[in-house]
Amino acid sequence: MQRNWPHTQVCREIQEFNRAFLDLVAADQGPGALFGLDAPVRQRLRLLSPPQLQAIAATPCLLAAFAPLTSGPTPRVVADAPLPALTPAPTDAARLFAAALLVWLWHTAHRDRLLTALCLGPGQQGMESLSGPGFLELQRTAAGAAGRLEARFCRHPRIWPDLVRAAGDADGEVLTATRLSMVQLTLISRR
């Protein structure tokens, strides 16, 4: 039986999405939060070299996520603390990225439930919302997806500052441990 992880097309696709998301975050010079990340974290991301950004992109789970649409209060964990102030309107690049990510997740939800759980967490809310709708509903969802785009676990008080700091340090073990903590958070997330 051939191993599917980590030396496959899926790994490359996740890294490409991660790198494109990091480029989106770093490209915006505006003040305030963007994609749920506060200005100091984004500033430190902009100061990283391309190999350091690629080291973050090699995190074996998606760094980008979509904020859930909820009609009422939802259970919260430490990774779901309130977001900082509202973000500016999405750019064309953010809209294109969000639509591409949504289509990739939709396709993945239809063919590989385990990979979908790694990308979205094991909660049924995300998986069912992606595997159920047809293409027309996907198009409607994609129209507003950029406004819900956020950094995965942006509400967690330490994960993104730790990830950026670890990428800037020369200690590869700290970076590996930090990246794997994102996988762990993904697997225990409720949504």
N, C-alpha and C. Protein backbone atom coordinates (compact mmCIF):
# COMPACT_ATOMS: atom_id res chain seq x y z
N MET A 1 0.84 -1.18 0.00
CA MET A 1 0.00 0.00 0.00
C MET A 1 0.88 1.25 0.00
N GLN A 2 0.61 2.16 -0.88
CA GLN A 2 1.41 3.37 -1.00
C GLN A 2 1.01 4.38 0.06
N ARG A 3 2.02 5.01 0.67
CA ARG A 3 1.76 6.05 1.66
C ARG A 3 1.22 7.28 0.96
N ASN A 4 0.20 7.88 1.53
CA ASN A 4 -0.38 9.08 0.93
C ASN A 4 0.12 10.35 1.58
N TRP A 5 0.84 10.26 2.68
CA TRP A 5 1.27 11.46 3.38
C TRP A 5 2.66 11.24 3.90
N PRO A 6 3.59 12.13 3.86
CA PRO A 6 3.47 13.51 3.43
C PRO A 6 4.01 13.79 2.03
N HIS A 7 4.40 12.78 1.29
CA HIS A 7 5.07 13.02 0.01
C HIS A 7 4.13 12.84 -1.17
N THR A 8 3.08 13.57 -1.19
CA THR A 8 2.11 13.43 -2.27
C THR A 8 1.67 14.79 -2.77
N GLN A 9 0.82 14.75 -3.76
CA GLN A 9 0.25 15.97 -4.31
C GLN A 9 -0.53 16.74 -3.24
N VAL A 10 -1.20 16.04 -2.35
CA VAL A 10 -1.98 16.70 -1.29
C VAL A 10 -1.09 17.57 -0.42
N CYS A 11 0.06 17.04 -0.05
CA CYS A 11 1.01 17.81 0.76
C CYS A 11 1.44 19.07 0.02
N ARG A 12 1.75 18.94 -1.25
CA ARG A 12 2.15 20.11 -2.05
C ARG A 12 1.01 21.11 -2.15
N GLU A 13 -0.21 20.63 -2.33
CA GLU A 13 -1.35 21.53 -2.44
C GLU A 13 -1.56 22.31 -1.14
N ILE A 14 -1.48 21.62 -0.01
CA ILE A 14 -1.64 22.30 1.27
C ILE A 14 -0.54 23.34 1.46
N GLN A 15 0.70 22.99 1.12
CA GLN A 15 1.80 23.96 1.24
C GLN A 15 1.59 25.15 0.31
N GLU A 16 1.08 24.90 -0.89
CA GLU A 16 0.83 26.01 -1.82
C GLU A 16 -0.28 26.93 -1.29
N PHE A 17 -1.35 26.34 -0.75
CA PHE A 17 -2.39 27.17 -0.14
C PHE A 17 -1.83 27.95 1.04
N ASN A 18 -1.02 27.29 1.87
CA ASN A 18 -0.44 27.98 3.02
C ASN A 18 0.45 29.13 2.59
N ARG A 19 1.29 28.90 1.58
CA ARG A 19 2.19 29.96 1.13
C ARG A 19 1.40 31.12 0.53
N ALA A 20 0.39 30.81 -0.27
CA ALA A 20 -0.44 31.87 -0.85
C ALA A 20 -1.15 32.66 0.24
N PHE A 21 -1.61 31.98 1.28
CA PHE A 21 -2.27 32.68 2.39
C PHE A 21 -1.28 33.57 3.13
N LEU A 22 -0.08 33.06 3.39
CA LEU A 22 0.94 33.88 4.06
C LEU A 22 1.29 35.10 3.22
N ASP A 23 1.35 34.94 1.90
CA ASP A 23 1.61 36.08 1.02
C ASP A 23 0.49 37.10 1.10
N LEU A 24 -0.76 36.65 1.18
CA LEU A 24 -1.89 37.57 1.35
C LEU A 24 -1.77 38.36 2.64
N VAL A 25 -1.46 37.66 3.71
CA VAL A 25 -1.33 38.30 5.02
C VAL A 25 -0.19 39.32 5.00
N ALA A 26 0.94 38.93 4.44
CA ALA A 26 2.11 39.81 4.44
C ALA A 26 1.97 40.98 3.48
N ALA A 27 1.18 40.83 2.44
CA ALA A 27 1.05 41.89 1.43
C ALA A 27 0.32 43.12 1.95
N ASP A 28 -0.58 42.94 2.89
CA ASP A 28 -1.36 44.07 3.40
C ASP A 28 -0.55 44.84 4.43
N GLN A 29 -0.36 46.13 4.18
CA GLN A 29 0.43 46.98 5.06
C GLN A 29 -0.44 47.77 6.04
N GLY A 30 -1.75 47.60 5.96
CA GLY A 30 -2.67 48.39 6.76
C GLY A 30 -2.56 48.11 8.25
N PRO A 31 -3.04 49.08 9.04
CA PRO A 31 -3.05 48.88 10.49
C PRO A 31 -4.22 47.99 10.89
N GLY A 32 -4.15 47.46 12.06
CA GLY A 32 -5.26 46.67 12.57
C GLY A 32 -5.18 45.22 12.16
N ALA A 33 -6.22 44.50 12.54
CA ALA A 33 -6.26 43.06 12.29
C ALA A 33 -6.64 42.77 10.85
N LEU A 34 -6.11 41.69 10.33
CA LEU A 34 -6.46 41.20 9.00
C LEU A 34 -6.50 39.68 9.08
N PHE A 35 -7.58 39.10 8.62
CA PHE A 35 -7.78 37.65 8.70
C PHE A 35 -7.66 37.16 10.14
N GLY A 36 -8.00 38.02 11.08
CA GLY A 36 -7.95 37.67 12.49
C GLY A 36 -6.59 37.81 13.14
N LEU A 37 -5.57 38.17 12.38
CA LEU A 37 -4.23 38.34 12.94
C LEU A 37 -3.98 39.81 13.22
N ASP A 38 -3.47 40.11 14.41
CA ASP A 38 -3.23 41.51 14.74
C ASP A 38 -1.98 42.04 14.03
N ALA A 39 -1.85 43.35 14.02
CA ALA A 39 -0.78 44.02 13.27
C ALA A 39 0.62 43.57 13.68
N PRO A 40 0.94 43.40 14.97
CA PRO A 40 2.30 42.95 15.31
C PRO A 40 2.67 41.58 14.72
N VAL A 41 1.74 40.66 14.70
CA VAL A 41 2.02 39.34 14.11
C VAL A 41 2.25 39.49 12.61
N ARG A 42 1.40 40.28 11.96
CA ARG A 42 1.56 40.48 10.51
C ARG A 42 2.87 41.20 10.20
N GLN A 43 3.26 42.15 11.04
CA GLN A 43 4.53 42.85 10.83
C GLN A 43 5.70 41.87 10.93
N ARG A 44 5.67 40.99 11.93
CA ARG A 44 6.75 40.01 12.07
C ARG A 44 6.75 39.03 10.88
N LEU A 45 5.58 38.70 10.37
CA LEU A 45 5.52 37.84 9.17
C LEU A 45 6.19 38.52 7.98
N ARG A 46 5.95 39.82 7.82
CA ARG A 46 6.55 40.56 6.70
C ARG A 46 8.07 40.60 6.79
N LEU A 47 8.62 40.49 7.99
CA LEU A 47 10.07 40.55 8.17
C LEU A 47 10.76 39.21 7.92
N LEU A 48 10.00 38.15 7.80
CA LEU A 48 10.60 36.83 7.57
C LEU A 48 11.11 36.71 6.13
N SER A 49 12.16 35.93 5.96
CA SER A 49 12.71 35.67 4.63
C SER A 49 11.83 34.65 3.90
N PRO A 50 11.97 34.55 2.57
CA PRO A 50 11.20 33.54 1.84
C PRO A 50 11.38 32.11 2.38
N PRO A 51 12.60 31.67 2.72
CA PRO A 51 12.72 30.32 3.28
C PRO A 51 12.00 30.17 4.64
N GLN A 52 12.00 31.23 5.44
CA GLN A 52 11.29 31.17 6.72
C GLN A 52 9.78 31.11 6.50
N LEU A 53 9.27 31.87 5.53
CA LEU A 53 7.85 31.79 5.20
C LEU A 53 7.50 30.40 4.67
N GLN A 54 8.39 29.83 3.88
CA GLN A 54 8.15 28.48 3.36
C GLN A 54 8.15 27.46 4.49
N ALA A 55 8.97 27.69 5.52
CA ALA A 55 8.98 26.78 6.67
C ALA A 55 7.64 26.82 7.39
N ILE A 56 7.01 27.98 7.49
CA ILE A 56 5.67 28.07 8.08
C ILE A 56 4.67 27.39 7.15
N ALA A 57 4.81 27.62 5.85
CA ALA A 57 3.88 27.03 4.87
C ALA A 57 3.93 25.50 4.90
N ALA A 58 5.03 24.94 5.37
CA ALA A 58 5.16 23.48 5.43
C ALA A 58 4.38 22.87 6.59
N THR A 59 3.66 23.68 7.34
CA THR A 59 2.78 23.15 8.38
C THR A 59 1.83 22.14 7.73
N PRO A 60 1.73 20.93 8.28
CA PRO A 60 0.96 19.88 7.60
C PRO A 60 -0.56 19.97 7.76
N CYS A 61 -1.06 21.17 7.89
CA CYS A 61 -2.51 21.40 7.86
C CYS A 61 -2.71 22.81 7.32
N LEU A 62 -3.92 23.12 6.92
CA LEU A 62 -4.18 24.44 6.34
C LEU A 62 -4.02 25.54 7.38
N LEU A 63 -3.36 26.63 6.97
CA LEU A 63 -3.22 27.80 7.84
C LEU A 63 -4.40 28.75 7.69
N ALA A 64 -5.17 28.59 6.64
CA ALA A 64 -6.34 29.43 6.40
C ALA A 64 -7.60 28.64 6.74
N ALA A 65 -8.62 29.36 7.13
CA ALA A 65 -9.91 28.74 7.46
C ALA A 65 -11.01 29.73 7.13
N PHE A 66 -12.22 29.27 7.24
CA PHE A 66 -13.38 30.15 7.08
C PHE A 66 -14.10 30.23 8.42
N ALA A 67 -14.40 31.45 8.83
CA ALA A 67 -15.19 31.63 10.05
C ALA A 67 -16.56 31.02 9.82
N PRO A 68 -17.07 30.32 10.81
CA PRO A 68 -18.38 29.68 10.61
C PRO A 68 -19.50 30.70 10.60
N LEU A 69 -20.55 30.37 9.89
CA LEU A 69 -21.77 31.16 9.94
C LEU A 69 -22.63 30.57 11.05
N THR A 70 -22.84 31.33 12.09
CA THR A 70 -23.65 30.82 13.19
C THR A 70 -24.80 31.75 13.44
N SER A 71 -25.93 31.19 13.82
CA SER A 71 -27.09 32.00 14.10
C SER A 71 -27.23 32.26 15.59
N GLY A 72 -26.50 31.57 16.41
CA GLY A 72 -26.58 31.76 17.85
C GLY A 72 -25.24 31.48 18.48
N PRO A 73 -25.19 31.48 19.81
CA PRO A 73 -23.92 31.23 20.48
C PRO A 73 -23.45 29.80 20.23
N THR A 74 -22.14 29.67 20.06
CA THR A 74 -21.55 28.35 19.86
C THR A 74 -20.58 28.07 20.98
N PRO A 75 -20.35 26.81 21.30
CA PRO A 75 -19.37 26.50 22.34
C PRO A 75 -18.00 27.00 21.92
N ARG A 76 -17.28 27.52 22.87
CA ARG A 76 -15.97 28.08 22.56
C ARG A 76 -14.89 27.35 23.35
N VAL A 77 -13.73 27.25 22.73
CA VAL A 77 -12.54 26.74 23.39
C VAL A 77 -11.49 27.83 23.28
N VAL A 78 -10.31 27.60 23.83
CA VAL A 78 -9.30 28.66 23.83
C VAL A 78 -8.96 29.13 22.42
N ALA A 79 -9.04 28.25 21.44
CA ALA A 79 -8.73 28.64 20.06
C ALA A 79 -9.86 29.44 19.43
N ASP A 80 -10.97 29.63 20.12
CA ASP A 80 -12.11 30.35 19.58
C ASP A 80 -12.45 31.61 20.37
N ALA A 81 -11.47 32.23 21.00
CA ALA A 81 -11.72 33.48 21.72
C ALA A 81 -12.22 34.54 20.74
N PRO A 82 -12.82 35.63 21.22
CA PRO A 82 -13.34 36.65 20.31
C PRO A 82 -12.26 37.21 19.40
N LEU A 83 -12.67 37.53 18.18
CA LEU A 83 -11.75 38.12 17.20
C LEU A 83 -11.51 39.58 17.49
N PRO A 84 -10.35 40.13 17.05
CA PRO A 84 -10.13 41.56 17.13
C PRO A 84 -11.13 42.32 16.24
N ALA A 85 -10.96 43.62 16.16
CA ALA A 85 -11.88 44.47 15.40
C ALA A 85 -12.08 43.98 13.97
N LEU A 86 -13.16 44.44 13.35
CA LEU A 86 -13.50 44.02 11.99
C LEU A 86 -12.36 44.31 11.02
N THR A 87 -12.28 43.50 9.99
CA THR A 87 -11.23 43.64 9.00
C THR A 87 -11.75 44.44 7.81
N PRO A 88 -10.83 45.00 7.02
CA PRO A 88 -11.26 45.76 5.84
C PRO A 88 -11.86 44.84 4.77
N ALA A 89 -12.45 45.47 3.78
CA ALA A 89 -13.06 44.71 2.68
C ALA A 89 -11.99 43.88 1.98
N PRO A 90 -12.34 42.66 1.56
CA PRO A 90 -11.36 41.79 0.92
C PRO A 90 -10.89 42.34 -0.43
N THR A 91 -9.64 42.08 -0.73
CA THR A 91 -9.07 42.46 -2.03
C THR A 91 -9.44 41.41 -3.07
N ASP A 92 -9.17 41.73 -4.33
CA ASP A 92 -9.41 40.75 -5.39
C ASP A 92 -8.59 39.48 -5.16
N ALA A 93 -7.34 39.66 -4.70
CA ALA A 93 -6.49 38.50 -4.43
C ALA A 93 -7.09 37.63 -3.32
N ALA A 94 -7.65 38.26 -2.30
CA ALA A 94 -8.27 37.51 -1.21
C ALA A 94 -9.53 36.79 -1.69
N ARG A 95 -10.31 37.45 -2.55
CA ARG A 95 -11.51 36.81 -3.09
C ARG A 95 -11.15 35.59 -3.95
N LEU A 96 -10.13 35.73 -4.77
CA LEU A 96 -9.69 34.62 -5.61
C LEU A 96 -9.16 33.47 -4.76
N PHE A 97 -8.34 33.80 -3.76
CA PHE A 97 -7.80 32.77 -2.88
C PHE A 97 -8.93 32.05 -2.14
N ALA A 98 -9.87 32.80 -1.58
CA ALA A 98 -10.97 32.21 -0.82
C ALA A 98 -11.81 31.29 -1.70
N ALA A 99 -12.09 31.72 -2.92
CA ALA A 99 -12.88 30.88 -3.83
C ALA A 99 -12.12 29.60 -4.18
N ALA A 100 -10.82 29.72 -4.46
CA ALA A 100 -10.01 28.53 -4.78
C ALA A 100 -9.96 27.57 -3.60
N LEU A 101 -9.76 28.10 -2.40
CA LEU A 101 -9.70 27.26 -1.21
C LEU A 101 -11.05 26.57 -0.97
N LEU A 102 -12.12 27.31 -1.13
CA LEU A 102 -13.45 26.74 -0.92
C LEU A 102 -13.73 25.60 -1.91
N VAL A 103 -13.38 25.80 -3.16
CA VAL A 103 -13.58 24.74 -4.17
C VAL A 103 -12.71 23.54 -3.85
N TRP A 104 -11.46 23.76 -3.44
CA TRP A 104 -10.58 22.65 -3.08
C TRP A 104 -11.15 21.88 -1.90
N LEU A 105 -11.62 22.59 -0.88
CA LEU A 105 -12.20 21.93 0.28
C LEU A 105 -13.48 21.17 -0.09
N TRP A 106 -14.29 21.77 -0.96
CA TRP A 106 -15.52 21.12 -1.41
C TRP A 106 -15.19 19.81 -2.12
N HIS A 107 -14.23 19.87 -3.02
CA HIS A 107 -13.80 18.67 -3.75
C HIS A 107 -13.24 17.63 -2.78
N THR A 108 -12.41 18.07 -1.85
CA THR A 108 -11.81 17.17 -0.87
C THR A 108 -12.88 16.51 0.00
N ALA A 109 -13.89 17.27 0.40
CA ALA A 109 -14.96 16.72 1.24
C ALA A 109 -15.74 15.62 0.51
N HIS A 110 -15.76 15.69 -0.81
CA HIS A 110 -16.46 14.67 -1.59
C HIS A 110 -15.62 13.41 -1.82
N ARG A 111 -14.31 13.50 -1.70
CA ARG A 111 -13.49 12.33 -2.04
C ARG A 111 -12.69 11.76 -0.88
N ASP A 112 -12.43 12.54 0.19
CA ASP A 112 -11.55 12.04 1.25
C ASP A 112 -11.96 12.66 2.59
N ARG A 113 -12.77 11.95 3.35
CA ARG A 113 -13.28 12.48 4.62
C ARG A 113 -12.17 12.63 5.66
N LEU A 114 -11.17 11.76 5.64
CA LEU A 114 -10.07 11.89 6.60
C LEU A 114 -9.25 13.15 6.33
N LEU A 115 -8.96 13.41 5.07
CA LEU A 115 -8.24 14.63 4.72
C LEU A 115 -9.08 15.86 5.07
N THR A 116 -10.37 15.78 4.83
CA THR A 116 -11.25 16.89 5.18
C THR A 116 -11.21 17.14 6.68
N ALA A 117 -11.18 16.09 7.48
CA ALA A 117 -11.09 16.25 8.94
C ALA A 117 -9.77 16.92 9.32
N LEU A 118 -8.68 16.59 8.62
CA LEU A 118 -7.41 17.24 8.90
C LEU A 118 -7.45 18.72 8.51
N CYS A 119 -8.17 19.04 7.45
CA CYS A 119 -8.25 20.42 6.98
C CYS A 119 -9.23 21.26 7.79
N LEU A 120 -10.34 20.66 8.20
CA LEU A 120 -11.41 21.41 8.87
C LEU A 120 -11.59 21.06 10.33
N GLY A 121 -10.95 20.00 10.79
CA GLY A 121 -11.22 19.49 12.12
C GLY A 121 -12.27 18.40 12.03
N PRO A 122 -12.40 17.59 13.07
CA PRO A 122 -13.31 16.45 13.00
C PRO A 122 -14.78 16.80 13.18
N GLY A 123 -15.10 18.02 13.54
CA GLY A 123 -16.50 18.41 13.73
C GLY A 123 -17.30 18.23 12.45
N GLN A 124 -18.51 17.79 12.59
CA GLN A 124 -19.36 17.50 11.43
C GLN A 124 -19.84 18.76 10.74
N GLN A 125 -19.88 19.90 11.46
CA GLN A 125 -20.42 21.12 10.87
C GLN A 125 -19.72 21.49 9.57
N GLY A 126 -18.41 21.54 9.58
CA GLY A 126 -17.68 21.93 8.38
C GLY A 126 -17.75 20.90 7.28
N MET A 127 -17.59 19.63 7.64
CA MET A 127 -17.57 18.57 6.64
C MET A 127 -18.93 18.45 5.96
N GLU A 128 -20.00 18.46 6.74
CA GLU A 128 -21.33 18.33 6.14
C GLU A 128 -21.71 19.55 5.32
N SER A 129 -21.28 20.72 5.77
CA SER A 129 -21.63 21.93 5.01
C SER A 129 -20.92 21.94 3.66
N LEU A 130 -19.80 21.25 3.55
CA LEU A 130 -19.09 21.20 2.27
C LEU A 130 -19.46 20.00 1.42
N SER A 131 -19.74 18.88 2.03
CA SER A 131 -20.03 17.69 1.23
C SER A 131 -21.47 17.62 0.77
N GLY A 132 -22.36 18.36 1.42
CA GLY A 132 -23.77 18.30 1.08
C GLY A 132 -24.18 19.12 -0.14
N PRO A 133 -23.80 20.39 -0.21
CA PRO A 133 -24.33 21.23 -1.28
C PRO A 133 -23.78 20.89 -2.65
N GLY A 134 -24.59 21.20 -3.65
CA GLY A 134 -24.16 21.02 -5.03
C GLY A 134 -23.37 22.22 -5.50
N PHE A 135 -23.06 22.20 -6.78
CA PHE A 135 -22.21 23.24 -7.34
C PHE A 135 -22.85 24.63 -7.29
N LEU A 136 -24.16 24.73 -7.53
CA LEU A 136 -24.81 26.04 -7.50
C LEU A 136 -24.74 26.67 -6.11
N GLU A 137 -24.93 25.87 -5.08
CA GLU A 137 -24.81 26.38 -3.71
C GLU A 137 -23.36 26.77 -3.42
N LEU A 138 -22.43 26.00 -3.95
CA LEU A 138 -21.01 26.33 -3.79
C LEU A 138 -20.71 27.69 -4.40
N GLN A 139 -21.27 27.98 -5.56
CA GLN A 139 -21.06 29.29 -6.19
C GLN A 139 -21.60 30.41 -5.30
N ARG A 140 -22.78 30.21 -4.73
CA ARG A 140 -23.35 31.24 -3.85
C ARG A 140 -22.48 31.43 -2.61
N THR A 141 -21.99 30.35 -2.06
CA THR A 141 -21.13 30.43 -0.88
C THR A 141 -19.81 31.12 -1.22
N ALA A 142 -19.26 30.83 -2.39
CA ALA A 142 -17.97 31.41 -2.78
C ALA A 142 -18.05 32.92 -2.92
N ALA A 143 -19.23 33.44 -3.26
CA ALA A 143 -19.37 34.89 -3.45
C ALA A 143 -19.02 35.67 -2.18
N GLY A 144 -19.31 35.12 -1.02
CA GLY A 144 -19.01 35.82 0.23
C GLY A 144 -17.92 35.18 1.05
N ALA A 145 -17.23 34.21 0.48
CA ALA A 145 -16.23 33.45 1.25
C ALA A 145 -15.06 34.31 1.72
N ALA A 146 -14.64 35.28 0.93
CA ALA A 146 -13.48 36.09 1.30
C ALA A 146 -13.74 36.87 2.58
N GLY A 147 -14.97 37.27 2.81
CA GLY A 147 -15.31 37.99 4.03
C GLY A 147 -15.24 37.12 5.27
N ARG A 148 -15.25 35.81 5.09
CA ARG A 148 -15.16 34.88 6.22
C ARG A 148 -13.78 34.24 6.33
N LEU A 149 -12.86 34.60 5.43
CA LEU A 149 -11.51 34.04 5.44
C LEU A 149 -10.76 34.52 6.68
N GLU A 150 -10.09 33.60 7.34
CA GLU A 150 -9.31 33.95 8.52
C GLU A 150 -8.14 33.00 8.67
N ALA A 151 -7.18 33.41 9.48
CA ALA A 151 -6.08 32.52 9.82
C ALA A 151 -6.61 31.45 10.77
N ARG A 152 -6.28 30.20 10.50
CA ARG A 152 -6.73 29.12 11.38
C ARG A 152 -6.21 29.38 12.79
N PHE A 153 -7.07 29.27 13.75
CA PHE A 153 -6.77 29.48 15.16
C PHE A 153 -6.28 30.90 15.46
N CYS A 154 -6.77 31.86 14.69
CA CYS A 154 -6.39 33.26 14.93
C CYS A 154 -6.88 33.74 16.29
N ARG A 155 -7.85 33.07 16.88
CA ARG A 155 -8.36 33.46 18.19
C ARG A 155 -7.52 32.88 19.33
N HIS A 156 -6.67 31.93 19.00
CA HIS A 156 -5.79 31.34 20.01
C HIS A 156 -4.76 32.39 20.41
N PRO A 157 -4.54 32.59 21.69
CA PRO A 157 -3.65 33.69 22.10
C PRO A 157 -2.18 33.51 21.75
N ARG A 158 -1.71 32.29 21.51
CA ARG A 158 -0.28 32.07 21.33
C ARG A 158 0.12 31.42 20.01
N ILE A 159 -0.76 30.73 19.33
CA ILE A 159 -0.32 29.86 18.23
C ILE A 159 0.38 30.63 17.12
N TRP A 160 -0.21 31.74 16.65
CA TRP A 160 0.42 32.48 15.55
C TRP A 160 1.68 33.22 16.00
N PRO A 161 1.70 33.90 17.15
CA PRO A 161 2.97 34.49 17.59
C PRO A 161 4.07 33.43 17.75
N ASP A 162 3.72 32.27 18.29
CA ASP A 162 4.71 31.20 18.46
C ASP A 162 5.19 30.66 17.12
N LEU A 163 4.28 30.51 16.17
CA LEU A 163 4.64 30.00 14.84
C LEU A 163 5.60 30.96 14.13
N VAL A 164 5.31 32.24 14.19
CA VAL A 164 6.17 33.24 13.54
C VAL A 164 7.52 33.30 14.24
N ARG A 165 7.52 33.27 15.56
CA ARG A 165 8.78 33.31 16.32
C ARG A 165 9.61 32.07 16.01
N ALA A 166 8.99 30.90 15.97
CA ALA A 166 9.72 29.66 15.70
C ALA A 166 10.32 29.66 14.31
N ALA A 167 9.62 30.24 13.34
CA ALA A 167 10.17 30.30 11.97
C ALA A 167 11.39 31.21 11.91
N GLY A 168 11.42 32.23 12.74
CA GLY A 168 12.55 33.15 12.76
C GLY A 168 13.75 32.62 13.52
N ASP A 169 13.54 31.64 14.39
CA ASP A 169 14.63 31.05 15.15
C ASP A 169 15.33 29.98 14.32
N ALA A 170 16.54 29.67 14.71
CA ALA A 170 17.31 28.66 13.98
C ALA A 170 17.00 27.24 14.46
N ASP A 171 16.19 27.09 15.51
CA ASP A 171 15.90 25.78 16.08
C ASP A 171 14.75 25.10 15.35
N GLY A 172 15.08 24.15 14.50
CA GLY A 172 14.08 23.44 13.71
C GLY A 172 13.13 22.60 14.56
N GLU A 173 13.60 22.13 15.72
CA GLU A 173 12.74 21.32 16.58
C GLU A 173 11.60 22.14 17.15
N VAL A 174 11.86 23.39 17.50
CA VAL A 174 10.80 24.26 18.03
C VAL A 174 9.77 24.52 16.94
N LEU A 175 10.22 24.76 15.72
CA LEU A 175 9.30 24.99 14.61
C LEU A 175 8.46 23.74 14.34
N THR A 176 9.08 22.59 14.34
CA THR A 176 8.34 21.35 14.13
C THR A 176 7.29 21.15 15.22
N ALA A 177 7.66 21.38 16.46
CA ALA A 177 6.71 21.23 17.57
C ALA A 177 5.56 22.22 17.44
N THR A 178 5.84 23.44 17.02
CA THR A 178 4.80 24.45 16.87
C THR A 178 3.87 24.08 15.72
N ARG A 179 4.43 23.64 14.60
CA ARG A 179 3.59 23.22 13.47
C ARG A 179 2.70 22.05 13.86
N LEU A 180 3.26 21.09 14.58
CA LEU A 180 2.47 19.93 15.00
C LEU A 180 1.40 20.31 16.02
N SER A 181 1.63 21.37 16.79
CA SER A 181 0.59 21.82 17.72
C SER A 181 -0.62 22.34 16.95
N MET A 182 -0.40 22.89 15.75
CA MET A 182 -1.53 23.31 14.92
C MET A 182 -2.32 22.10 14.43
N VAL A 183 -1.62 21.03 14.11
CA VAL A 183 -2.31 19.80 13.71
C VAL A 183 -3.13 19.28 14.89
N GLN A 184 -2.53 19.29 16.07
CA GLN A 184 -3.24 18.82 17.25
C GLN A 184 -4.49 19.67 17.50
N LEU A 185 -4.36 20.98 17.42
CA LEU A 185 -5.53 21.85 17.60
C LEU A 185 -6.60 21.57 16.55
N THR A 186 -6.17 21.31 15.32
CA THR A 186 -7.13 21.00 14.26
C THR A 186 -7.91 19.74 14.60
N LEU A 187 -7.21 18.74 15.08
CA LEU A 187 -7.87 17.45 15.34
C LEU A 187 -8.78 17.47 16.56
N ILE A 188 -8.58 18.44 17.47
CA ILE A 188 -9.47 18.52 18.63
C ILE A 188 -10.51 19.62 18.49
N SER A 189 -10.44 20.39 17.40
CA SER A 189 -11.41 21.49 17.24
C SER A 189 -12.80 20.92 17.05
N ARG A 190 -13.78 21.69 17.47
CA ARG A 190 -15.17 21.21 17.43
C ARG A 190 -15.89 21.58 16.16
N ARG A 191 -15.33 22.44 15.37
CA ARG A 191 -16.04 22.83 14.14
C ARG A 191 -15.29 22.43 12.93
